[in-house]
Amino acid sequence: MFENLTDRLSKSIQKIRGQANLSEDNVKDALREVRVALLEADVALPVVKSFIDDVKDRALGKEVMTSLKPAQVMVKVVQEELIKVLGEETQGINFNAQPPVVILMAGLQGAGKTTTTGKLAKHLKERHNKKVMVVSADVYRPAAIEQLQTVADQVGVHWHPSSVIDDPISIGMTALQAAKKGFFDVLIVDTAGRLAVDDAMMKEIKSLQNSINPTETLFVVDAMTGQDAANTAKAFSDVLDLTGVVLTKIDGDARGGAALSVKTITGKPIKFQGVGEKMEALEPFHPDRVASSILGMGDVLSLVEEVERKIDKKEAEKLAKKVATGNKFTLEDYQSQLMQMQNMGGMASMMDKLPGMGDIPDAVKDQANDKIMGQKLAVINSMTIKEKRYPQLIKGSRKRRIANGSGTSIQDVSKVLKEFTQMQKMMRKFKGKGMMKMMQKLGGKMPGGMPF
């Protein structure tokens, strides 16, 4: 997300590098690029105008620290204004209510409400330790109820049965009573969507909202629809008492117009973002981290949290002890490392969160392609246990068999083996005092010579 915007913003700030100070002319020149970047990102025009005016006023104002260089000033001001546009504070689900906390999901058809309902249920269950029930009040879309049941089973939360012959309001009321009797912490109600905003849909969901009195009413919208997403959110916000927005398919949106428009146009915070197809691919929306990411500063905090949550610590400790005591790093270990990385969303997802990735050539990024990682795993999965432990056995006919089994070529198999050998050599350096020697080579003499 934001690739195009990040690139354009970087170029606009480059224009100020080397300048002695900020002036009306160089700020105006840089902001012309920023304006074009935001419009290309499909950010709503009123948001663009307000943003540009605020940045200009602050960049030329007296509050700027004189100790900073002009480019640093511009980055600081743009970052703080981006945070303001995105919502300033991270806002999650409000649990300050009598259980069960009721969450009503609203939105257009195709925005991903049902899948997001499942993702949110999983998020609340695993990260907040909540007992969650889900129910479908969508009596119009074929198989909508069955889809939610499948999703609920997949994420391991309770599904409350409903039927197409029932009234959405009676479904909501019945589910609420069941959630109270079952001592559930959270009830998530999935609702019907339409291809466009219409009065009948609005009246129905408004009646449902009045009946079950939800703590949260979240508007689910496809980020790839750009500023249309913000306009649709506004239409819903005018009728419903929305408490927040969930942006779906944010990983497929290179522009970011929805994220930068929704908060200003609706006045409602973005609470979550869908960052992939998997059920765990729902993340809290952090305005400060997103602003840093837009400016090419990465999102290291989210990366650290992801590592903490998804890395198998026992496996990592086991490998560290194995390497430290001089035991050989095998293809089984390499396979385990690749699987851990894949579990974190792949190399591309990790790289997006690292600072300065925008400056790395595309050819280098392509080398970290997740498709290539999947290919490597396929090659290793096609090996026998003996071959994984003794890769020197893999020659001629064995390479051919592995290539056929993994749907790759003999050259691909050779490449994986070569990379593994390089990794194995590197791991040997960690044996005993090898770590200390490696750090000394990197940064001179410890501790004063460390590069940071």
Protein backbone atom coordinates (compact mmCIF):
# COMPACT_ATOMS: atom_id res chain seq x y z
CA MET A 1 0.00 0.00 0.00
CA PHE A 2 1.01 3.65 -0.61
CA GLU A 3 3.90 2.66 -2.96
CA ASN A 4 3.10 5.39 -5.49
CA LEU A 5 2.47 8.03 -2.82
CA THR A 6 5.68 7.14 -0.97
CA ASP A 7 7.68 7.47 -4.17
CA ARG A 8 6.19 10.88 -5.08
CA LEU A 9 6.52 12.28 -1.55
CA SER A 10 10.14 11.18 -1.44
CA LYS A 11 10.84 13.05 -4.69
CA SER A 12 9.09 16.20 -3.47
CA ILE A 13 11.14 16.31 -0.26
CA GLN A 14 14.34 15.69 -2.26
CA LYS A 15 13.74 19.08 -3.90
CA ILE A 16 14.39 20.81 -0.57
CA ARG A 17 17.60 18.91 0.24
CA GLY A 18 20.61 21.19 0.08
CA GLN A 19 18.53 24.35 0.58
CA ALA A 20 19.79 26.75 3.27
CA ASN A 21 16.30 27.31 4.67
CA LEU A 22 12.61 26.95 3.92
CA SER A 23 11.19 29.74 1.80
CA GLU A 24 7.85 30.51 0.19
CA ASP A 25 9.25 29.40 -3.17
CA ASN A 26 10.86 26.06 -2.28
CA VAL A 27 7.96 25.05 -0.02
CA LYS A 28 5.48 25.92 -2.77
CA ASP A 29 7.55 23.91 -5.26
CA ALA A 30 7.66 20.86 -2.98
CA LEU A 31 3.98 21.08 -2.11
CA ARG A 32 3.05 21.18 -5.79
CA GLU A 33 4.53 17.67 -6.02
CA VAL A 34 2.79 16.61 -2.82
CA ARG A 35 -0.56 17.85 -4.16
CA VAL A 36 -0.12 15.84 -7.38
CA ALA A 37 0.93 12.79 -5.34
CA LEU A 38 -2.19 12.98 -3.16
CA LEU A 39 -4.52 13.47 -6.14
CA GLU A 40 -2.91 10.54 -7.95
CA ALA A 41 -3.47 8.51 -4.78
CA ASP A 42 -7.21 9.27 -5.23
CA VAL A 43 -7.44 11.28 -2.01
CA ALA A 44 -10.61 13.40 -1.83
CA LEU A 45 -10.07 16.99 -3.08
CA PRO A 46 -11.21 18.77 0.15
CA VAL A 47 -8.76 16.59 2.13
CA VAL A 48 -5.91 17.42 -0.28
CA LYS A 49 -6.61 21.17 -0.09
CA SER A 50 -6.82 21.22 3.70
CA PHE A 51 -3.68 19.08 4.05
CA ILE A 52 -1.59 21.26 1.70
CA ASP A 53 -2.72 24.47 3.44
CA ASP A 54 -1.89 23.09 6.89
CA VAL A 55 1.56 21.82 5.84
CA LYS A 56 2.38 25.15 4.18
CA ASP A 57 1.30 27.19 7.22
CA ARG A 58 3.38 25.05 9.59
CA ALA A 59 6.45 24.75 7.33
CA LEU A 60 6.67 28.53 7.03
CA GLY A 61 5.49 29.22 10.58
CA LYS A 62 7.50 30.08 13.67
CA GLU A 63 7.03 26.74 15.44
CA VAL A 64 9.64 24.97 13.30
CA MET A 65 12.85 24.08 15.16
CA THR A 66 15.80 26.02 13.79
CA SER A 67 18.17 23.13 14.59
CA LEU A 68 16.61 20.96 11.88
CA LYS A 69 17.62 21.04 8.23
CA PRO A 70 14.93 22.19 5.74
CA ALA A 71 14.28 18.64 4.44
CA GLN A 72 14.00 17.35 8.03
CA VAL A 73 11.53 20.11 8.84
CA MET A 74 9.42 19.19 5.83
CA VAL A 75 9.41 15.49 6.74
CA LYS A 76 8.47 16.31 10.35
CA VAL A 77 5.61 18.60 9.34
CA VAL A 78 4.27 16.26 6.63
CA GLN A 79 4.42 13.29 9.02
CA GLU A 80 2.52 15.11 11.78
CA GLU A 81 -0.12 16.36 9.35
CA LEU A 82 -0.51 12.86 7.90
CA ILE A 83 -1.09 11.50 11.41
CA LYS A 84 -3.76 14.17 11.94
CA VAL A 85 -5.50 13.23 8.66
CA LEU A 86 -5.33 9.51 9.47
CA GLY A 87 -6.87 9.92 12.92
CA GLU A 88 -4.08 10.67 15.41
CA GLU A 89 -4.85 7.89 17.93
CA THR A 90 -5.19 4.13 17.53
CA GLN A 91 -8.75 3.18 18.45
CA GLY A 92 -9.77 -0.42 19.00
CA ILE A 93 -13.03 -2.03 20.13
CA ASN A 94 -14.71 -0.39 23.12
CA PHE A 95 -15.03 -3.10 25.78
CA ASN A 96 -16.29 -0.64 28.39
CA ALA A 97 -19.84 -1.98 28.25
CA GLN A 98 -21.99 -4.67 29.85
CA PRO A 99 -21.16 -8.03 28.15
CA PRO A 100 -21.86 -9.09 25.55
CA VAL A 101 -20.32 -6.19 23.63
CA VAL A 102 -22.37 -6.10 20.40
CA ILE A 103 -20.58 -5.25 17.15
CA LEU A 104 -22.73 -4.52 14.08
CA MET A 105 -21.01 -4.91 10.70
CA ALA A 106 -22.32 -2.67 7.90
CA GLY A 107 -21.26 -2.05 4.31
CA LEU A 108 -21.88 -2.65 0.62
CA GLN A 109 -21.97 -6.07 -1.03
CA GLY A 110 -18.52 -7.30 -2.00
CA ALA A 111 -16.66 -5.21 0.59
CA GLY A 112 -15.77 -8.34 2.55
CA LYS A 113 -18.10 -8.04 5.57
CA THR A 114 -18.49 -11.76 6.23
CA THR A 115 -14.77 -12.51 5.92
CA THR A 116 -13.98 -9.46 8.07
CA THR A 117 -16.48 -10.69 10.67
CA GLY A 118 -14.48 -13.93 10.88
CA LYS A 119 -11.15 -12.08 10.99
CA LEU A 120 -12.38 -9.76 13.74
CA ALA A 121 -13.74 -12.71 15.74
CA LYS A 122 -10.35 -14.44 15.50
CA HIS A 123 -8.56 -11.20 16.44
CA LEU A 124 -10.72 -10.69 19.55
CA LYS A 125 -10.46 -14.33 20.56
CA GLU A 126 -6.69 -14.64 20.19
CA ARG A 127 -5.38 -11.18 21.06
CA HIS A 128 -7.98 -10.09 23.63
CA ASN A 129 -8.94 -13.53 25.00
CA LYS A 130 -12.65 -12.94 24.38
CA LYS A 131 -15.41 -15.53 24.06
CA VAL A 132 -17.02 -14.62 20.72
CA MET A 133 -20.33 -15.45 19.04
CA VAL A 134 -21.16 -14.54 15.43
CA VAL A 135 -24.53 -14.45 13.66
CA SER A 136 -25.63 -13.64 10.12
CA ALA A 137 -28.59 -11.31 9.61
CA ASP A 138 -28.10 -11.46 5.82
CA VAL A 139 -31.26 -13.19 4.61
CA TYR A 140 -30.89 -12.04 0.98
CA ARG A 141 -27.56 -13.24 -0.36
CA PRO A 142 -27.53 -16.94 -1.29
CA ALA A 143 -25.41 -19.03 1.10
CA ALA A 144 -24.45 -15.99 3.22
CA ILE A 145 -25.46 -17.76 6.43
CA GLU A 146 -23.56 -20.93 5.47
CA GLN A 147 -20.50 -18.85 4.55
CA LEU A 148 -20.40 -17.30 8.03
CA GLN A 149 -20.80 -20.73 9.61
CA THR A 150 -17.79 -21.99 7.61
CA VAL A 151 -15.75 -18.94 8.62
CA ALA A 152 -16.74 -19.34 12.29
CA ASP A 153 -15.67 -23.00 12.27
CA GLN A 154 -12.40 -21.99 10.62
CA VAL A 155 -11.47 -19.46 13.33
CA GLY A 156 -12.91 -21.47 16.22
CA VAL A 157 -15.71 -19.20 17.46
CA HIS A 158 -19.38 -19.94 18.20
CA TRP A 159 -21.83 -19.58 15.30
CA HIS A 160 -25.47 -18.79 16.15
CA PRO A 161 -27.88 -20.35 13.62
CA SER A 162 -30.23 -18.17 11.57
CA SER A 163 -32.50 -18.73 8.57
CA VAL A 164 -33.48 -16.90 5.36
CA ILE A 165 -37.13 -17.08 6.45
CA ASP A 166 -36.35 -15.05 9.60
CA ASP A 167 -36.53 -11.29 9.97
CA PRO A 168 -33.07 -9.62 10.46
CA ILE A 169 -34.29 -7.84 13.61
CA SER A 170 -35.58 -11.07 15.20
CA ILE A 171 -32.26 -12.76 14.26
CA GLY A 172 -30.34 -10.01 16.05
CA MET A 173 -32.57 -10.10 19.16
CA THR A 174 -32.50 -13.91 19.40
CA ALA A 175 -28.70 -13.98 19.02
CA LEU A 176 -28.34 -11.29 21.71
CA GLN A 177 -30.42 -13.32 24.17
CA ALA A 178 -28.36 -16.45 23.37
CA ALA A 179 -25.10 -14.52 23.84
CA LYS A 180 -26.27 -13.30 27.27
CA LYS A 181 -27.33 -16.79 28.36
CA GLY A 182 -24.05 -18.26 27.11
CA PHE A 183 -21.98 -15.61 28.91
CA PHE A 184 -20.27 -14.48 25.70
CA ASP A 185 -17.99 -11.45 25.83
CA VAL A 186 -18.71 -10.35 22.26
CA LEU A 187 -21.52 -10.80 19.71
CA ILE A 188 -20.71 -9.84 16.10
CA VAL A 189 -23.71 -9.36 13.80
CA ASP A 190 -23.04 -9.64 10.06
CA THR A 191 -25.63 -7.76 7.96
CA ALA A 192 -26.84 -7.76 4.37
CA GLY A 193 -25.11 -5.57 1.81
CA ARG A 194 -26.30 -4.14 -1.50
CA LEU A 195 -24.55 -3.27 -4.73
CA ALA A 196 -25.29 0.41 -4.00
CA VAL A 197 -26.67 2.53 -1.18
CA ASP A 198 -30.48 2.35 -1.13
CA ASP A 199 -33.22 3.50 1.23
CA ALA A 200 -34.61 0.03 1.95
CA MET A 201 -31.24 -1.28 3.09
CA MET A 202 -30.61 1.78 5.23
CA LYS A 203 -34.02 1.57 6.93
CA GLU A 204 -33.55 -2.12 7.66
CA ILE A 205 -30.07 -1.79 9.18
CA LYS A 206 -31.12 1.32 11.13
CA SER A 207 -34.01 -0.67 12.64
CA LEU A 208 -31.60 -3.49 13.49
CA GLN A 209 -29.22 -1.02 15.12
CA ASN A 210 -32.05 0.50 17.19
CA SER A 211 -33.20 -2.97 18.29
CA ILE A 212 -29.92 -4.47 19.46
CA ASN A 213 -28.23 -1.19 20.49
CA PRO A 214 -24.65 -2.20 19.51
CA THR A 215 -21.60 -0.83 21.31
CA GLU A 216 -19.80 -0.69 17.97
CA THR A 217 -21.15 -0.19 14.46
CA LEU A 218 -18.30 -0.72 12.02
CA PHE A 219 -18.49 0.25 8.37
CA VAL A 220 -16.58 -2.25 6.21
CA VAL A 221 -15.31 -0.80 2.94
CA ASP A 222 -13.01 -1.87 0.10
CA ALA A 223 -9.90 0.37 0.18
CA MET A 224 -9.35 -0.19 -3.55
CA THR A 225 -12.39 1.97 -4.37
CA GLY A 226 -10.35 5.06 -3.37
CA GLN A 227 -12.25 8.21 -2.43
CA ASP A 228 -15.51 6.44 -3.35
CA ALA A 229 -14.88 4.43 -0.18
CA ALA A 230 -14.87 7.65 1.86
CA ASN A 231 -18.02 8.95 0.13
CA THR A 232 -19.89 5.66 0.73
CA ALA A 233 -18.75 5.69 4.36
CA LYS A 234 -20.16 9.22 4.65
CA ALA A 235 -23.53 8.07 3.24
CA PHE A 236 -23.71 5.31 5.86
CA SER A 237 -22.48 7.65 8.59
CA ASP A 238 -25.33 10.09 7.84
CA VAL A 239 -27.89 7.37 8.59
CA LEU A 240 -26.18 5.09 11.12
CA ASP A 241 -24.39 5.92 14.35
CA LEU A 242 -21.05 4.58 13.12
CA THR A 243 -18.23 4.17 15.63
CA GLY A 244 -15.49 3.28 13.16
CA VAL A 245 -14.36 2.01 9.77
CA VAL A 246 -12.63 -1.18 8.64
CA LEU A 247 -10.64 -0.88 5.40
CA THR A 248 -10.40 -4.19 3.55
CA LYS A 249 -8.04 -5.22 0.71
CA ILE A 250 -5.59 -2.55 1.82
CA ASP A 251 -2.69 -4.74 0.69
CA GLY A 252 -3.93 -4.52 -2.91
CA ASP A 253 -4.27 -0.71 -2.88
CA ALA A 254 -1.09 0.97 -4.12
CA ARG A 255 -2.68 4.43 -3.86
CA GLY A 256 -4.07 4.78 -0.34
CA GLY A 257 -6.75 7.37 -1.14
CA ALA A 258 -9.36 5.69 1.08
CA ALA A 259 -7.15 5.64 4.17
CA LEU A 260 -6.28 9.31 3.72
CA SER A 261 -9.88 10.43 3.09
CA VAL A 262 -12.14 8.37 5.37
CA LYS A 263 -11.37 9.99 8.74
CA THR A 264 -11.71 13.59 7.47
CA ILE A 265 -14.90 12.98 5.44
CA THR A 266 -16.75 10.81 7.98
CA GLY A 267 -15.24 12.03 11.23
CA LYS A 268 -15.04 8.35 12.22
CA PRO A 269 -11.74 6.59 13.02
CA ILE A 270 -10.29 3.75 10.96
CA LYS A 271 -10.14 0.96 13.54
CA PHE A 272 -8.86 -2.00 11.51
CA GLN A 273 -7.25 -2.78 8.17
CA GLY A 274 -7.48 -6.01 6.18
CA VAL A 275 -3.95 -6.80 4.99
CA GLY A 276 -4.45 -10.11 3.17
CA GLU A 277 -6.75 -13.04 2.49
CA LYS A 278 -5.81 -15.19 5.48
CA MET A 279 -7.98 -15.10 8.60
CA GLU A 280 -5.17 -13.63 10.69
CA ALA A 281 -4.69 -10.80 8.17
CA LEU A 282 -6.57 -8.14 10.14
CA GLU A 283 -4.52 -5.50 11.95
CA PRO A 284 -5.36 -2.55 14.21
CA PHE A 285 -4.96 0.73 12.32
CA HIS A 286 -2.12 2.82 13.80
CA PRO A 287 -2.15 6.35 12.26
CA ASP A 288 1.41 7.16 13.41
CA ARG A 289 2.84 3.93 11.98
CA VAL A 290 0.96 4.33 8.70
CA ALA A 291 2.26 7.91 8.38
CA SER A 292 5.83 6.68 8.92
CA SER A 293 5.28 3.98 6.31
CA ILE A 294 3.97 6.53 3.77
CA LEU A 295 7.16 8.58 4.23
CA GLY A 296 9.35 5.52 3.66
CA MET A 297 10.33 5.23 7.34
CA GLY A 298 8.93 1.72 7.64
CA ASP A 299 6.83 0.28 10.46
CA VAL A 300 9.33 -1.45 12.71
CA LEU A 301 6.97 -1.55 15.71
CA SER A 302 4.39 -3.61 13.79
CA LEU A 303 7.15 -5.88 12.52
CA VAL A 304 8.42 -6.49 16.07
CA GLU A 305 4.86 -7.20 17.29
CA GLU A 306 4.35 -9.61 14.40
CA VAL A 307 7.59 -11.45 15.17
CA GLU A 308 6.60 -11.69 18.85
CA ARG A 309 3.18 -13.08 17.95
CA LYS A 310 3.97 -15.43 15.09
CA ILE A 311 7.49 -16.75 15.56
CA ASP A 312 7.67 -20.16 17.23
CA LYS A 313 9.93 -19.21 20.14
CA LYS A 314 10.68 -22.82 21.10
CA GLU A 315 11.84 -23.60 17.57
CA ALA A 316 13.95 -20.42 17.46
CA GLU A 317 15.61 -21.23 20.81
CA LYS A 318 16.21 -24.81 19.72
CA LEU A 319 17.96 -23.64 16.54
CA ALA A 320 20.02 -21.03 18.43
CA LYS A 321 21.27 -23.64 20.92
CA LYS A 322 21.98 -26.08 18.11
CA VAL A 323 24.07 -23.55 16.17
CA ALA A 324 25.88 -22.25 19.28
CA THR A 325 27.01 -25.77 20.26
CA GLY A 326 28.41 -26.42 16.80
CA ASN A 327 25.74 -28.80 15.52
CA LYS A 328 25.24 -28.70 11.77
CA PHE A 329 22.54 -26.47 10.27
CA THR A 330 20.48 -28.78 8.03
CA LEU A 331 17.97 -28.40 5.23
CA GLU A 332 15.30 -29.27 7.81
CA ASP A 333 16.34 -26.18 9.79
CA TYR A 334 16.35 -24.09 6.61
CA GLN A 335 12.86 -25.39 5.78
CA SER A 336 11.66 -24.45 9.28
CA GLN A 337 13.03 -20.90 8.88
CA LEU A 338 11.30 -20.44 5.51
CA MET A 339 8.01 -21.67 6.98
CA GLN A 340 8.31 -19.25 9.91
CA MET A 341 8.89 -16.39 7.45
CA GLN A 342 5.90 -17.47 5.36
CA ASN A 343 3.78 -17.57 8.52
CA MET A 344 4.61 -13.89 9.05
CA GLY A 345 3.11 -12.96 5.70
CA GLY A 346 6.19 -13.58 3.57
CA MET A 347 9.31 -11.63 2.79
CA ALA A 348 7.49 -8.86 0.90
CA SER A 349 5.29 -8.14 3.93
CA MET A 350 8.33 -7.94 6.21
CA MET A 351 10.30 -5.76 3.80
CA ASP A 352 7.41 -3.28 3.55
CA LYS A 353 7.79 -2.62 7.28
CA LEU A 354 11.53 -1.90 7.13
CA PRO A 355 12.78 1.71 6.82
CA GLY A 356 14.26 2.87 3.52
CA MET A 357 12.83 0.05 1.42
CA GLY A 358 11.65 2.59 -1.15
CA ASP A 359 15.28 3.31 -2.06
CA ILE A 360 16.05 -0.33 -2.85
CA PRO A 361 15.96 -1.17 -6.59
CA ASP A 362 13.03 -3.29 -7.81
CA ALA A 363 15.46 -5.91 -9.11
CA VAL A 364 16.71 -6.49 -5.55
CA LYS A 365 13.13 -6.60 -4.16
CA ASP A 366 12.22 -9.20 -6.77
CA GLN A 367 14.86 -11.50 -5.29
CA ALA A 368 12.79 -11.56 -2.09
CA ASN A 369 9.65 -12.51 -4.01
CA ASP A 370 7.24 -14.64 -1.95
CA LYS A 371 6.64 -16.81 -5.02
CA ILE A 372 10.35 -17.69 -4.98
CA MET A 373 10.09 -18.53 -1.26
CA GLY A 374 7.18 -20.88 -2.02
CA GLN A 375 9.26 -22.46 -4.76
CA LYS A 376 12.16 -23.05 -2.35
CA LEU A 377 9.80 -24.73 0.12
CA ALA A 378 8.37 -26.91 -2.66
CA VAL A 379 11.91 -28.05 -3.55
CA ILE A 380 12.80 -28.93 0.07
CA ASN A 381 9.40 -30.61 0.63
CA SER A 382 10.17 -32.92 -2.31
CA MET A 383 13.33 -34.23 -0.62
CA THR A 384 13.52 -37.30 1.59
CA ILE A 385 14.51 -36.92 5.26
CA LYS A 386 17.88 -38.47 4.45
CA GLU A 387 18.47 -35.92 1.65
CA LYS A 388 17.58 -33.03 3.96
CA ARG A 389 20.14 -34.24 6.50
CA TYR A 390 22.81 -35.20 3.97
CA PRO A 391 22.38 -32.80 1.00
CA GLN A 392 25.68 -33.98 -0.50
CA LEU A 393 23.71 -37.03 -1.69
CA ILE A 394 21.62 -34.87 -4.01
CA LYS A 395 23.12 -35.33 -7.44
CA GLY A 396 21.99 -36.32 -10.95
CA SER A 397 18.88 -38.52 -10.75
CA ARG A 398 17.95 -37.26 -7.27
CA LYS A 399 17.96 -33.64 -8.50
CA ARG A 400 15.78 -34.66 -11.43
CA ARG A 401 13.31 -36.44 -9.12
CA ILE A 402 13.13 -33.44 -6.73
CA ALA A 403 12.62 -31.04 -9.66
CA ASN A 404 9.78 -33.18 -11.04
CA GLY A 405 8.21 -33.54 -7.59
CA SER A 406 8.30 -29.79 -6.88
CA GLY A 407 7.31 -28.64 -10.37
CA THR A 408 10.63 -26.82 -10.78
CA SER A 409 13.80 -27.27 -12.86
CA ILE A 410 17.12 -28.92 -12.00
CA GLN A 411 18.63 -25.41 -12.03
CA ASP A 412 16.12 -24.32 -9.37
CA VAL A 413 17.07 -27.29 -7.17
CA SER A 414 20.78 -26.46 -7.60
CA LYS A 415 20.08 -22.83 -6.66
CA VAL A 416 18.31 -23.83 -3.42
CA LEU A 417 21.21 -26.12 -2.51
CA LYS A 418 23.73 -23.35 -3.22
CA GLU A 419 21.83 -20.84 -1.06
CA PHE A 420 21.56 -23.43 1.71
CA THR A 421 25.33 -24.04 1.60
CA GLN A 422 25.96 -20.31 1.93
CA MET A 423 23.54 -20.16 4.88
CA GLN A 424 25.27 -23.17 6.46
CA LYS A 425 28.68 -21.44 6.18
CA MET A 426 27.26 -18.31 7.79
CA MET A 427 25.75 -20.32 10.64
CA ARG A 428 29.15 -21.88 11.40
CA LYS A 429 30.40 -18.41 12.31
CA PHE A 430 27.93 -18.29 15.19
CA LYS A 431 29.62 -21.25 16.89
CA GLY A 432 31.28 -20.39 20.21
CA LYS A 433 32.95 -16.98 19.92
CA GLY A 434 32.03 -16.74 16.26
CA MET A 435 29.32 -14.17 16.99
CA MET A 436 31.81 -11.84 18.70
CA LYS A 437 34.26 -12.14 15.78
CA MET A 438 31.51 -11.40 13.27
CA MET A 439 30.37 -8.29 15.16
CA GLN A 440 33.98 -7.05 15.36
CA LYS A 441 34.31 -7.39 11.60
CA LEU A 442 31.07 -5.47 11.09
CA GLY A 443 31.72 -2.58 13.42
CA GLY A 444 35.38 -2.44 14.37
CA LYS A 445 36.13 -3.28 17.99
CA MET A 446 33.39 -3.90 20.52
CA PRO A 447 31.75 -2.10 22.09
CA GLY A 448 32.75 1.37 20.91
CA GLY A 449 33.05 0.43 17.25
CA MET A 450 29.44 -0.65 16.81
CA PRO A 451 27.88 1.05 13.77
CA PHE A 452 24.97 2.22 15.89
